[in-house]
């Protein structure tokens, strides 16, 4: 088993913030007032990133 990413989800004021740290050292942040929208954007990006 191999870790491919670490996901951190926090609430910052009215925004939900999802921070993704990939095993290759890159990271990205998704911010949205709607929790599901932040997660949807994050999952779409992760699917593209990890499909390579």
Protein backbone atom coordinates (compact mmCIF):
# COMPACT_ATOMS: atom_id res chain seq x y z
CA UNK A 1 0.00 0.00 0.00
CA UNK A 2 1.26 3.45 -0.92
CA UNK A 3 0.13 6.89 0.22
CA UNK A 4 -0.67 9.09 -2.78
CA UNK A 5 -1.90 12.21 -0.98
CA UNK A 6 -2.72 13.81 2.33
CA UNK A 7 -5.94 15.84 2.54
CA UNK A 8 -6.60 18.46 5.19
CA UNK A 9 -10.04 20.09 5.47
CA UNK A 10 -10.60 23.15 7.62
CA UNK A 11 -13.18 25.89 8.09
CA UNK A 12 -11.78 29.41 7.67
CA UNK A 13 -14.49 31.93 8.46
CA UNK A 14 -17.27 31.16 6.00
CA UNK A 15 -15.00 29.21 3.64
CA UNK A 16 -14.25 25.52 3.63
CA UNK A 17 -10.63 24.89 2.69
CA UNK A 18 -9.34 21.57 1.38
CA UNK A 19 -5.56 21.32 1.17
CA UNK A 20 -4.08 18.44 -0.79
CA UNK A 21 -0.44 17.42 -0.42
CA UNK A 22 0.66 14.88 -3.03
CA UNK A 23 3.41 12.33 -2.52
CA UNK A 24 5.51 14.06 -5.21
CA UNK A 25 5.74 17.15 -2.99
CA UNK A 26 3.22 19.35 -4.78
CA UNK A 27 0.24 20.84 -2.99
CA UNK A 28 -2.96 22.63 -3.89
CA UNK A 29 -5.71 24.43 -2.00
CA UNK A 30 -9.44 24.51 -2.76
CA UNK A 31 -11.60 27.16 -1.14
CA UNK A 32 -15.37 27.56 -1.35
CA UNK A 33 -18.24 28.61 0.90
CA UNK A 34 -20.11 25.45 -0.16
CA UNK A 35 -18.46 22.33 1.29
CA UNK A 36 -19.59 20.01 -1.52
CA UNK A 37 -18.29 22.40 -4.20
CA UNK A 38 -14.81 22.50 -2.63
CA UNK A 39 -14.75 18.70 -2.45
CA UNK A 40 -16.04 18.25 -6.00
CA UNK A 41 -13.35 20.51 -7.44
CA UNK A 42 -10.69 18.73 -5.39
CA UNK A 43 -11.82 15.24 -6.47
CA UNK A 44 -11.92 16.19 -10.16
CA UNK A 45 -8.37 17.56 -9.98
CA UNK A 46 -7.13 14.51 -8.07
CA UNK A 47 -8.65 12.14 -10.62
CA UNK A 48 -6.81 13.98 -13.41
CA UNK A 49 -3.55 14.16 -11.45
CA UNK A 50 -3.51 10.54 -10.35
CA UNK A 51 -4.65 9.11 -13.70
CA UNK A 52 -1.26 9.96 -15.25
